[in-house]
């Protein structure tokens, strides 16, 4: 995992990322409630993170959200002519804050 983090630090695209709070409105439209304060667990490294701390890349054809610990994809959101496509296969669960 350390090699993956080192590669991420050397990746110039990291500077193009924002935190999960930047997509609060988008996530609210998907989930129907505010989720940036909720916890999610990465399916890849099992790190538990608050959604607002996830790394978000918005300059592609969709939105890609990555784990801040291992940089694996946690969520994807794409707008298509037939509707919004949402993939959360990189997260094991989402838990409302206490």
Protein backbone atom coordinates (compact mmCIF):
# COMPACT_ATOMS: atom_id res chain seq x y z
CA UNK A 1 0.00 0.00 0.00
CA UNK A 2 2.91 2.37 0.71
CA UNK A 3 4.01 2.07 -2.94
CA UNK A 4 0.49 3.09 -4.05
CA UNK A 5 0.54 6.16 -1.77
CA UNK A 6 4.00 7.14 -3.05
CA UNK A 7 2.78 6.87 -6.66
CA UNK A 8 -0.25 8.99 -5.80
CA UNK A 9 1.95 11.73 -4.35
CA UNK A 10 3.96 11.79 -7.59
CA UNK A 11 0.82 11.93 -9.74
CA UNK A 12 0.20 15.48 -11.04
CA UNK A 13 -3.55 14.76 -11.14
CA UNK A 14 -3.62 14.77 -7.32
CA UNK A 15 -3.47 18.57 -7.51
CA UNK A 16 -6.73 18.48 -9.49
CA UNK A 17 -8.63 16.77 -6.70
CA UNK A 18 -10.92 18.30 -4.09
CA UNK A 19 -12.43 16.80 -0.96
CA UNK A 20 -15.79 15.06 -0.73
CA UNK A 21 -17.54 18.22 0.42
CA UNK A 22 -17.31 19.50 -3.18
CA UNK A 23 -19.93 16.98 -4.26
CA UNK A 24 -22.27 17.38 -1.28
CA UNK A 25 -25.16 18.47 -3.54
CA UNK A 26 -24.61 15.62 -5.98
CA UNK A 27 -24.52 13.07 -3.15
CA UNK A 28 -27.65 14.60 -1.63
CA UNK A 29 -29.47 14.15 -4.94
CA UNK A 30 -28.38 10.48 -5.05
CA UNK A 31 -29.05 9.59 -1.39
CA UNK A 32 -31.79 12.08 -0.57
CA UNK A 33 -29.93 13.33 2.49
CA UNK A 34 -26.67 14.96 3.57
CA UNK A 35 -23.94 12.31 3.59
CA UNK A 36 -20.59 14.12 3.78
CA UNK A 37 -20.44 13.58 7.57
CA UNK A 38 -21.20 9.86 7.24
CA UNK A 39 -18.51 7.21 7.47
CA UNK A 40 -17.72 4.80 4.65
CA UNK A 41 -15.37 1.85 4.57
CA UNK A 42 -13.07 1.28 1.60
CA UNK A 43 -13.62 -2.17 0.10
CA UNK A 44 -9.94 -2.33 -0.88
CA UNK A 45 -7.97 -1.39 2.26
CA UNK A 46 -10.83 -1.39 4.82
CA UNK A 47 -10.01 2.15 5.98
CA UNK A 48 -12.99 3.94 7.49
CA UNK A 49 -13.21 7.58 6.34
CA UNK A 50 -15.73 10.39 6.58
CA UNK A 51 -17.21 10.95 3.09
CA UNK A 52 -16.16 14.62 3.19
CA UNK A 53 -12.49 13.57 3.40
CA UNK A 54 -12.52 11.39 0.28
CA UNK A 55 -10.52 12.61 -2.74
CA UNK A 56 -12.76 13.72 -5.62
CA UNK A 57 -11.76 14.09 -9.26
CA UNK A 58 -14.33 16.04 -11.32
CA UNK A 59 -12.53 16.92 -14.55
CA UNK A 60 -13.27 13.68 -16.42
CA UNK A 61 -16.46 12.51 -18.08
CA UNK A 62 -17.83 11.74 -14.62
CA UNK A 63 -16.95 12.07 -10.96
CA UNK A 64 -14.43 9.65 -9.45
CA UNK A 65 -14.05 9.45 -5.67
CA UNK A 66 -10.97 7.77 -4.20
CA UNK A 67 -9.98 6.53 -0.76
CA UNK A 68 -7.59 8.97 0.96
CA UNK A 69 -5.57 6.05 2.38
CA UNK A 70 -5.01 3.72 -0.60
CA UNK A 71 -6.22 5.87 -3.55
CA UNK A 72 -8.49 3.11 -4.90
CA UNK A 73 -11.83 4.11 -6.42
CA UNK A 74 -14.67 4.14 -3.87
CA UNK A 75 -17.47 5.83 -5.85
CA UNK A 76 -18.20 6.78 -9.47
CA UNK A 77 -20.99 9.03 -10.75
CA UNK A 78 -21.69 9.61 -14.43
CA UNK A 79 -24.49 11.57 -16.12
CA UNK A 80 -25.76 9.85 -19.27
CA UNK A 81 -28.62 10.71 -21.65
CA UNK A 82 -30.70 8.03 -19.92
CA UNK A 83 -29.94 9.20 -16.37
CA UNK A 84 -27.38 9.26 -13.61
CA UNK A 85 -25.26 6.15 -13.04
CA UNK A 86 -23.89 5.64 -9.55
CA UNK A 87 -21.36 2.92 -8.61
CA UNK A 88 -20.35 2.48 -4.97
CA UNK A 89 -18.73 -0.93 -5.37
CA UNK A 90 -15.51 0.39 -3.82
CA UNK A 91 -17.25 1.02 -0.48
CA UNK A 92 -18.35 -1.79 1.81
CA UNK A 93 -20.89 0.39 3.63
CA UNK A 94 -21.99 3.90 4.48
CA UNK A 95 -22.89 4.67 8.10
CA UNK A 96 -24.70 7.72 9.44
CA UNK A 97 -22.64 9.69 11.96
CA UNK A 98 -23.29 9.22 15.63
